[in-house]
């Protein structure tokens, strides 16, 4: 197994494996590569307990670290998932929020472990890339939303 040059490390209290299993069950091109146990006792984990989980989310290499309760997640880090349509947006949003997560604003939500996700339909990104009044209308519509409504973004874009 080759070691990637760049890996996203995500700190969990004790549930790195549960989070990795959830993510890899939800998103395509995702898998768990390894579950590693602590070789000895340490401040956050007892010897033999799961310490790290190596996994990919949409092909992005990640390590889940059971580091204990010292550090908490914030919106300063998030995964942005580009969706093709409302059905895909709904599927990911509903899975994350419905599994103990919580809604936020403008297409952001948090999973039950506190990791932030931006579930972003391509229609919104394309509207922003258009610039000018089209982008302004779409942006103002988005600012009123929690989960992004593709039809409402497209309508705002048209004016």
N, C-alpha and C. Protein backbone atom coordinates (compact mmCIF):
# COMPACT_ATOMS: atom_id res chain seq x y z
N UNK A 1 0.85 -1.19 0.00
CA UNK A 1 0.00 0.00 0.00
C UNK A 1 0.89 1.24 0.00
N UNK A 2 0.65 2.13 -0.95
CA UNK A 2 1.45 3.34 -1.00
C UNK A 2 0.87 4.39 -0.04
N UNK A 3 1.74 5.21 0.47
CA UNK A 3 1.34 6.26 1.40
C UNK A 3 1.16 7.54 0.59
N UNK A 4 -0.05 8.16 0.65
CA UNK A 4 -0.26 9.40 -0.12
C UNK A 4 0.62 10.53 0.40
N UNK A 5 0.99 11.46 -0.50
CA UNK A 5 1.77 12.63 -0.12
C UNK A 5 0.99 13.58 0.77
N UNK A 6 -0.33 13.64 0.57
CA UNK A 6 -1.17 14.57 1.30
C UNK A 6 -2.41 13.82 1.79
N UNK A 7 -2.69 13.91 3.06
CA UNK A 7 -3.83 13.23 3.66
C UNK A 7 -4.52 14.20 4.61
N UNK A 8 -5.83 14.23 4.55
CA UNK A 8 -6.62 15.04 5.48
C UNK A 8 -6.78 14.22 6.77
N UNK A 9 -6.39 14.80 7.90
CA UNK A 9 -6.59 14.13 9.19
C UNK A 9 -7.75 14.81 9.90
N UNK A 10 -8.68 13.98 10.35
CA UNK A 10 -9.88 14.48 11.03
C UNK A 10 -9.89 13.92 12.44
N UNK A 11 -9.95 14.79 13.41
CA UNK A 11 -9.88 14.44 14.82
C UNK A 11 -11.28 14.09 15.33
N UNK A 12 -11.39 12.96 15.97
CA UNK A 12 -12.64 12.54 16.61
C UNK A 12 -12.33 12.26 18.08
N UNK A 13 -13.35 12.27 18.88
CA UNK A 13 -13.17 11.90 20.28
C UNK A 13 -12.85 10.40 20.33
N UNK A 14 -13.84 9.57 19.97
CA UNK A 14 -13.66 8.11 20.02
C UNK A 14 -14.29 7.38 18.84
N UNK A 15 -14.94 8.10 17.92
CA UNK A 15 -15.76 7.43 16.91
C UNK A 15 -15.25 7.58 15.48
N UNK A 16 -13.94 7.57 15.28
CA UNK A 16 -13.38 7.69 13.94
C UNK A 16 -13.85 6.55 13.04
N UNK A 17 -13.91 5.34 13.56
CA UNK A 17 -14.32 4.21 12.73
C UNK A 17 -15.79 4.32 12.34
N UNK A 18 -16.65 4.70 13.26
CA UNK A 18 -18.08 4.87 12.94
C UNK A 18 -18.27 5.95 11.89
N UNK A 19 -17.55 7.06 12.03
CA UNK A 19 -17.65 8.14 11.04
C UNK A 19 -17.17 7.66 9.67
N UNK A 20 -16.03 6.99 9.62
CA UNK A 20 -15.49 6.50 8.35
C UNK A 20 -16.46 5.52 7.70
N UNK A 21 -17.07 4.66 8.49
CA UNK A 21 -18.03 3.69 7.93
C UNK A 21 -19.25 4.42 7.36
N UNK A 22 -19.70 5.47 8.05
CA UNK A 22 -20.82 6.26 7.55
C UNK A 22 -20.46 6.93 6.23
N UNK A 23 -19.34 7.63 6.19
CA UNK A 23 -18.93 8.35 4.98
C UNK A 23 -18.74 7.39 3.80
N UNK A 24 -18.05 6.28 4.05
CA UNK A 24 -17.76 5.36 2.95
C UNK A 24 -19.00 4.62 2.48
N UNK A 25 -20.00 4.52 3.33
CA UNK A 25 -21.27 3.92 2.91
C UNK A 25 -22.15 4.89 2.15
N UNK A 26 -21.91 6.17 2.31
CA UNK A 26 -22.74 7.20 1.69
C UNK A 26 -22.21 7.68 0.34
N UNK A 27 -20.92 7.91 0.26
CA UNK A 27 -20.35 8.54 -0.93
C UNK A 27 -19.64 7.54 -1.82
N UNK A 28 -19.81 7.68 -3.15
CA UNK A 28 -19.07 6.81 -4.07
C UNK A 28 -17.57 7.13 -4.04
N UNK A 29 -16.79 6.23 -4.59
CA UNK A 29 -15.33 6.36 -4.63
C UNK A 29 -14.79 6.59 -3.22
N UNK A 30 -15.34 5.85 -2.27
CA UNK A 30 -14.96 5.96 -0.86
C UNK A 30 -14.78 4.55 -0.30
N UNK A 31 -13.78 4.39 0.55
CA UNK A 31 -13.52 3.07 1.12
C UNK A 31 -12.65 3.21 2.36
N UNK A 32 -12.74 2.22 3.22
CA UNK A 32 -11.82 2.12 4.37
C UNK A 32 -10.65 1.26 3.93
N UNK A 33 -9.44 1.79 4.11
CA UNK A 33 -8.25 1.04 3.76
C UNK A 33 -7.68 0.27 4.95
N UNK A 34 -7.77 0.87 6.15
CA UNK A 34 -7.19 0.21 7.32
C UNK A 34 -7.78 0.78 8.60
N UNK A 35 -7.88 -0.05 9.59
CA UNK A 35 -8.24 0.35 10.95
C UNK A 35 -7.05 -0.06 11.82
N UNK A 36 -6.44 0.91 12.47
CA UNK A 36 -5.23 0.66 13.25
C UNK A 36 -5.51 0.89 14.74
N UNK A 37 -5.00 -0.01 15.56
CA UNK A 37 -5.20 0.10 17.00
C UNK A 37 -3.96 0.70 17.66
N UNK A 38 -4.17 1.24 18.84
CA UNK A 38 -3.07 1.86 19.59
C UNK A 38 -2.13 0.76 20.07
N UNK A 39 -0.83 0.91 19.80
CA UNK A 39 0.13 -0.12 20.24
C UNK A 39 0.37 -0.11 21.76
N UNK A 40 0.04 1.01 22.38
CA UNK A 40 0.18 1.12 23.84
C UNK A 40 -0.79 2.19 24.33
N UNK A 41 -0.96 2.27 25.63
CA UNK A 41 -1.80 3.31 26.20
C UNK A 41 -1.23 4.68 25.85
N UNK A 42 -2.13 5.63 25.63
CA UNK A 42 -1.73 7.01 25.37
C UNK A 42 -2.80 7.91 25.97
N UNK A 43 -2.64 9.23 25.96
CA UNK A 43 -3.61 10.11 26.63
C UNK A 43 -5.06 9.97 26.12
N UNK A 44 -5.26 9.52 24.88
CA UNK A 44 -6.63 9.48 24.35
C UNK A 44 -7.17 8.07 24.13
N UNK A 45 -6.30 7.06 24.09
CA UNK A 45 -6.73 5.73 23.68
C UNK A 45 -5.97 4.67 24.48
N UNK A 46 -6.67 3.63 24.85
CA UNK A 46 -6.02 2.50 25.53
C UNK A 46 -5.39 1.57 24.51
N UNK A 47 -4.37 0.87 24.92
CA UNK A 47 -3.73 -0.12 24.05
C UNK A 47 -4.79 -1.07 23.50
N UNK A 48 -4.74 -1.29 22.18
CA UNK A 48 -5.68 -2.21 21.54
C UNK A 48 -6.96 -1.56 21.03
N UNK A 49 -7.25 -0.34 21.47
CA UNK A 49 -8.45 0.37 20.99
C UNK A 49 -8.13 1.02 19.64
N UNK A 50 -9.17 1.29 18.84
CA UNK A 50 -8.96 1.94 17.55
C UNK A 50 -8.34 3.32 17.76
N UNK A 51 -7.20 3.55 17.11
CA UNK A 51 -6.52 4.84 17.19
C UNK A 51 -6.73 5.62 15.90
N UNK A 52 -6.51 4.97 14.74
CA UNK A 52 -6.68 5.65 13.46
C UNK A 52 -7.45 4.76 12.49
N UNK A 53 -8.12 5.43 11.55
CA UNK A 53 -8.81 4.76 10.46
C UNK A 53 -8.38 5.47 9.18
N UNK A 54 -7.83 4.70 8.24
CA UNK A 54 -7.42 5.24 6.95
C UNK A 54 -8.56 4.98 5.97
N UNK A 55 -9.06 6.06 5.34
CA UNK A 55 -10.19 5.92 4.44
C UNK A 55 -10.14 6.99 3.36
N UNK A 56 -10.95 6.82 2.34
CA UNK A 56 -11.10 7.84 1.31
C UNK A 56 -12.56 8.27 1.25
N UNK A 57 -12.76 9.54 0.95
CA UNK A 57 -14.09 10.11 0.72
C UNK A 57 -14.03 10.76 -0.66
N UNK A 58 -14.81 10.24 -1.60
CA UNK A 58 -14.76 10.72 -2.99
C UNK A 58 -13.31 10.77 -3.49
N UNK A 59 -12.55 9.75 -3.14
CA UNK A 59 -11.17 9.65 -3.61
C UNK A 59 -10.16 10.46 -2.82
N UNK A 60 -10.60 11.24 -1.85
CA UNK A 60 -9.69 12.06 -1.04
C UNK A 60 -9.19 11.22 0.14
N UNK A 61 -7.86 11.04 0.27
CA UNK A 61 -7.36 10.24 1.39
C UNK A 61 -7.52 10.98 2.71
N UNK A 62 -8.02 10.24 3.69
CA UNK A 62 -8.26 10.80 5.02
C UNK A 62 -7.77 9.83 6.09
N UNK A 63 -7.46 10.38 7.24
CA UNK A 63 -7.20 9.58 8.43
C UNK A 63 -8.11 10.10 9.52
N UNK A 64 -8.90 9.22 10.09
CA UNK A 64 -9.69 9.56 11.27
C UNK A 64 -8.85 9.20 12.49
N UNK A 65 -8.66 10.15 13.37
CA UNK A 65 -7.84 9.95 14.56
C UNK A 65 -8.72 10.04 15.80
N UNK A 66 -8.74 9.00 16.60
CA UNK A 66 -9.42 9.05 17.90
C UNK A 66 -8.48 9.72 18.88
N UNK A 67 -8.59 11.04 18.98
CA UNK A 67 -7.66 11.83 19.78
C UNK A 67 -8.21 12.29 21.11
N UNK A 68 -9.46 11.93 21.42
CA UNK A 68 -10.04 12.37 22.67
C UNK A 68 -10.79 13.68 22.52
N UNK A 69 -11.32 14.20 23.63
CA UNK A 69 -12.22 15.36 23.59
C UNK A 69 -11.54 16.73 23.57
N UNK A 70 -10.22 16.78 23.45
CA UNK A 70 -9.50 18.05 23.56
C UNK A 70 -9.89 19.05 22.47
N UNK A 71 -9.92 18.61 21.20
CA UNK A 71 -10.19 19.51 20.09
C UNK A 71 -11.55 19.21 19.47
N UNK A 72 -12.26 20.27 19.10
CA UNK A 72 -13.59 20.14 18.49
C UNK A 72 -13.55 20.63 17.05
N UNK A 73 -14.47 20.13 16.25
CA UNK A 73 -14.58 20.57 14.86
C UNK A 73 -15.21 21.96 14.79
N UNK A 74 -14.91 22.67 13.70
CA UNK A 74 -15.55 23.96 13.45
C UNK A 74 -15.75 24.10 11.95
N UNK A 75 -16.49 25.12 11.57
CA UNK A 75 -16.74 25.39 10.16
C UNK A 75 -15.48 25.83 9.42
N UNK A 76 -14.39 26.03 10.14
CA UNK A 76 -13.14 26.42 9.50
C UNK A 76 -12.62 25.31 8.59
N UNK A 77 -13.11 24.09 8.77
CA UNK A 77 -12.80 22.97 7.88
C UNK A 77 -14.12 22.36 7.45
N UNK A 78 -14.24 22.08 6.16
CA UNK A 78 -15.45 21.40 5.67
C UNK A 78 -15.11 20.63 4.41
N UNK A 79 -15.95 19.65 4.13
CA UNK A 79 -15.91 18.97 2.85
C UNK A 79 -16.97 19.62 1.98
N UNK A 80 -16.62 19.96 0.75
CA UNK A 80 -17.61 20.48 -0.19
C UNK A 80 -17.90 19.39 -1.22
N UNK A 81 -19.16 19.02 -1.32
CA UNK A 81 -19.59 17.97 -2.24
C UNK A 81 -20.42 18.63 -3.33
N UNK A 82 -19.93 18.56 -4.57
CA UNK A 82 -20.66 19.10 -5.72
C UNK A 82 -21.69 18.08 -6.18
N UNK A 83 -22.95 18.51 -6.21
CA UNK A 83 -24.02 17.60 -6.62
C UNK A 83 -24.56 17.99 -7.99
N UNK A 84 -25.05 16.98 -8.70
CA UNK A 84 -25.53 17.19 -10.07
C UNK A 84 -26.95 17.72 -10.14
N UNK A 85 -27.78 17.41 -9.14
CA UNK A 85 -29.19 17.78 -9.21
C UNK A 85 -29.80 17.78 -7.81
N UNK A 86 -31.10 18.08 -7.75
CA UNK A 86 -31.78 18.15 -6.46
C UNK A 86 -31.84 16.79 -5.77
N UNK A 87 -32.02 15.73 -6.54
CA UNK A 87 -32.10 14.39 -5.94
C UNK A 87 -30.80 14.03 -5.22
N UNK A 88 -29.67 14.31 -5.86
CA UNK A 88 -28.38 14.01 -5.23
C UNK A 88 -28.16 14.93 -4.02
N UNK A 89 -28.53 16.18 -4.15
CA UNK A 89 -28.43 17.13 -3.03
C UNK A 89 -29.25 16.63 -1.85
N UNK A 90 -30.49 16.25 -2.12
CA UNK A 90 -31.37 15.74 -1.07
C UNK A 90 -30.81 14.49 -0.42
N UNK A 91 -30.30 13.56 -1.23
CA UNK A 91 -29.79 12.28 -0.70
C UNK A 91 -28.66 12.52 0.30
N UNK A 92 -27.68 13.34 -0.07
CA UNK A 92 -26.55 13.56 0.84
C UNK A 92 -26.96 14.39 2.06
N UNK A 93 -27.69 15.46 1.81
CA UNK A 93 -28.13 16.33 2.91
C UNK A 93 -28.97 15.53 3.92
N UNK A 94 -29.95 14.82 3.40
CA UNK A 94 -30.86 14.08 4.29
C UNK A 94 -30.13 12.98 5.05
N UNK A 95 -29.15 12.34 4.42
CA UNK A 95 -28.38 11.30 5.11
C UNK A 95 -27.55 11.90 6.24
N UNK A 96 -26.89 13.02 5.98
CA UNK A 96 -26.05 13.64 7.01
C UNK A 96 -26.90 14.19 8.15
N UNK A 97 -27.90 14.98 7.81
CA UNK A 97 -28.75 15.59 8.84
C UNK A 97 -29.59 14.52 9.55
N UNK A 98 -30.08 13.54 8.80
CA UNK A 98 -30.94 12.49 9.38
C UNK A 98 -30.20 11.49 10.23
N UNK A 99 -28.88 11.49 10.21
CA UNK A 99 -28.09 10.57 11.02
C UNK A 99 -27.51 11.30 12.24
N UNK A 100 -28.31 12.17 12.82
CA UNK A 100 -27.88 12.88 14.02
C UNK A 100 -27.16 14.18 13.76
N UNK A 101 -27.13 14.61 12.49
CA UNK A 101 -26.47 15.87 12.15
C UNK A 101 -27.39 17.05 12.36
N UNK A 102 -26.97 18.20 11.86
CA UNK A 102 -27.81 19.39 11.99
C UNK A 102 -27.66 20.30 10.77
N UNK A 103 -28.74 20.97 10.45
CA UNK A 103 -28.75 21.91 9.34
C UNK A 103 -28.05 23.20 9.74
N UNK A 104 -27.49 23.84 8.75
CA UNK A 104 -26.95 25.18 8.93
C UNK A 104 -27.48 26.02 7.77
N UNK A 105 -26.78 27.03 7.37
CA UNK A 105 -27.22 27.95 6.32
C UNK A 105 -26.45 27.71 5.02
N UNK A 106 -27.06 28.11 3.91
CA UNK A 106 -26.38 28.23 2.61
C UNK A 106 -25.76 26.93 2.11
N UNK A 107 -26.43 25.81 2.38
CA UNK A 107 -25.95 24.53 1.91
C UNK A 107 -24.99 23.83 2.84
N UNK A 108 -24.77 24.39 4.03
CA UNK A 108 -23.88 23.78 5.01
C UNK A 108 -24.69 22.97 6.01
N UNK A 109 -24.12 21.85 6.41
CA UNK A 109 -24.69 21.06 7.50
C UNK A 109 -23.53 20.40 8.24
N UNK A 110 -23.83 19.87 9.41
CA UNK A 110 -22.82 19.15 10.20
C UNK A 110 -23.30 17.74 10.41
N UNK A 111 -22.34 16.80 10.39
CA UNK A 111 -22.71 15.43 10.71
C UNK A 111 -22.74 15.27 12.23
N UNK A 112 -23.11 14.10 12.70
CA UNK A 112 -23.27 13.89 14.14
C UNK A 112 -21.96 13.99 14.92
N UNK A 113 -20.83 13.96 14.20
CA UNK A 113 -19.53 14.09 14.84
C UNK A 113 -19.03 15.53 14.83
N UNK A 114 -19.80 16.43 14.22
CA UNK A 114 -19.44 17.84 14.18
C UNK A 114 -18.66 18.27 12.96
N UNK A 115 -18.41 17.36 12.00
CA UNK A 115 -17.70 17.71 10.78
C UNK A 115 -18.67 18.46 9.86
N UNK A 116 -18.21 19.57 9.29
CA UNK A 116 -19.05 20.39 8.40
C UNK A 116 -18.95 19.90 6.96
N UNK A 117 -20.10 19.95 6.29
CA UNK A 117 -20.23 19.55 4.89
C UNK A 117 -20.95 20.66 4.14
N UNK A 118 -20.46 20.98 2.97
CA UNK A 118 -21.16 21.90 2.07
C UNK A 118 -21.73 21.04 0.94
N UNK A 119 -23.02 20.90 0.91
CA UNK A 119 -23.67 20.12 -0.14
C UNK A 119 -24.10 21.15 -1.19
N UNK A 120 -23.30 21.25 -2.26
CA UNK A 120 -23.38 22.36 -3.19
C UNK A 120 -23.76 21.91 -4.59
N UNK A 121 -25.00 22.16 -4.99
CA UNK A 121 -25.39 21.81 -6.36
C UNK A 121 -24.55 22.58 -7.39
N UNK A 122 -24.21 21.91 -8.47
CA UNK A 122 -23.45 22.55 -9.54
C UNK A 122 -24.19 23.77 -10.08
N UNK A 123 -25.52 23.76 -10.02
CA UNK A 123 -26.32 24.91 -10.48
C UNK A 123 -25.94 26.18 -9.72
N UNK A 124 -25.65 26.06 -8.43
CA UNK A 124 -25.25 27.21 -7.64
C UNK A 124 -23.84 27.67 -8.04
N UNK A 125 -22.93 26.75 -8.17
CA UNK A 125 -21.57 27.09 -8.58
C UNK A 125 -21.56 27.77 -9.95
N UNK A 126 -22.33 27.23 -10.87
CA UNK A 126 -22.40 27.81 -12.22
C UNK A 126 -23.00 29.22 -12.18
N UNK A 127 -23.98 29.43 -11.31
CA UNK A 127 -24.57 30.76 -11.17
C UNK A 127 -23.53 31.75 -10.64
N UNK A 128 -22.72 31.33 -9.67
CA UNK A 128 -21.68 32.20 -9.12
C UNK A 128 -20.63 32.50 -10.19
N UNK A 129 -20.30 31.51 -10.99
CA UNK A 129 -19.30 31.71 -12.05
C UNK A 129 -19.80 32.66 -13.14
N UNK A 130 -21.12 32.74 -13.31
CA UNK A 130 -21.69 33.63 -14.34
C UNK A 130 -21.41 35.09 -14.02
N UNK A 131 -21.32 35.41 -12.73
CA UNK A 131 -21.02 36.77 -12.31
C UNK A 131 -22.18 37.72 -12.53
N UNK A 132 -21.93 38.98 -12.24
CA UNK A 132 -22.91 40.04 -12.47
C UNK A 132 -24.22 39.85 -11.72
N UNK A 133 -25.29 40.36 -12.33
CA UNK A 133 -26.62 40.32 -11.72
C UNK A 133 -27.12 38.90 -11.54
N UNK A 134 -26.77 38.03 -12.47
CA UNK A 134 -27.17 36.63 -12.38
C UNK A 134 -26.63 36.00 -11.09
N UNK A 135 -25.36 36.20 -10.83
CA UNK A 135 -24.74 35.68 -9.62
C UNK A 135 -25.32 36.34 -8.38
N UNK A 136 -25.56 37.63 -8.46
CA UNK A 136 -26.12 38.36 -7.31
C UNK A 136 -27.49 37.80 -6.93
N UNK A 137 -28.35 37.60 -7.92
CA UNK A 137 -29.69 37.05 -7.63
C UNK A 137 -29.61 35.65 -7.04
N UNK A 138 -28.75 34.81 -7.61
CA UNK A 138 -28.60 33.44 -7.10
C UNK A 138 -28.02 33.46 -5.68
N UNK A 139 -27.04 34.32 -5.46
CA UNK A 139 -26.43 34.43 -4.13
C UNK A 139 -27.44 34.88 -3.10
N UNK A 140 -28.23 35.89 -3.43
CA UNK A 140 -29.24 36.38 -2.49
C UNK A 140 -30.29 35.31 -2.20
N UNK A 141 -30.65 34.52 -3.20
CA UNK A 141 -31.59 33.41 -2.97
C UNK A 141 -30.95 32.38 -2.04
N UNK A 142 -29.69 32.03 -2.30
CA UNK A 142 -28.98 31.05 -1.47
C UNK A 142 -28.90 31.50 -0.02
N UNK A 143 -28.72 32.78 0.21
CA UNK A 143 -28.59 33.29 1.58
C UNK A 143 -29.84 33.06 2.42
N UNK A 144 -30.95 32.78 1.78
CA UNK A 144 -32.20 32.52 2.49
C UNK A 144 -32.43 31.03 2.76
N UNK A 145 -31.55 30.19 2.26
CA UNK A 145 -31.76 28.73 2.30
C UNK A 145 -30.91 28.05 3.37
N UNK A 146 -31.36 26.88 3.76
CA UNK A 146 -30.51 25.93 4.49
C UNK A 146 -30.02 24.95 3.43
N UNK A 147 -30.81 23.91 3.13
CA UNK A 147 -30.46 23.03 2.01
C UNK A 147 -30.75 23.79 0.73
N UNK A 148 -29.85 23.68 -0.25
CA UNK A 148 -30.00 24.44 -1.49
C UNK A 148 -31.13 23.85 -2.33
N UNK A 149 -31.99 24.74 -2.79
CA UNK A 149 -33.12 24.40 -3.67
C UNK A 149 -32.69 24.76 -5.09
N UNK A 150 -32.39 23.74 -5.89
CA UNK A 150 -31.87 23.95 -7.24
C UNK A 150 -32.85 24.76 -8.09
N UNK A 151 -34.13 24.44 -8.05
CA UNK A 151 -35.12 25.15 -8.86
C UNK A 151 -35.17 26.63 -8.47
N UNK A 152 -35.07 26.92 -7.18
CA UNK A 152 -35.10 28.31 -6.73
C UNK A 152 -33.83 29.06 -7.17
N UNK A 153 -32.71 28.40 -7.17
CA UNK A 153 -31.46 29.02 -7.64
C UNK A 153 -31.57 29.31 -9.14
N UNK A 154 -32.06 28.34 -9.89
CA UNK A 154 -32.20 28.53 -11.35
C UNK A 154 -33.20 29.64 -11.66
N UNK A 155 -34.29 29.71 -10.90
CA UNK A 155 -35.27 30.78 -11.11
C UNK A 155 -34.67 32.15 -10.79
N UNK A 156 -33.93 32.23 -9.70
CA UNK A 156 -33.28 33.49 -9.32
C UNK A 156 -32.26 33.90 -10.38
N UNK A 157 -31.56 32.94 -10.89
CA UNK A 157 -30.56 33.22 -11.92
C UNK A 157 -31.21 33.83 -13.16
N UNK A 158 -32.38 33.32 -13.53
CA UNK A 158 -33.10 33.84 -14.70
C UNK A 158 -33.71 35.21 -14.43
N UNK A 159 -33.92 35.49 -13.15
CA UNK A 159 -34.52 36.78 -12.81
C UNK A 159 -35.98 36.68 -12.75
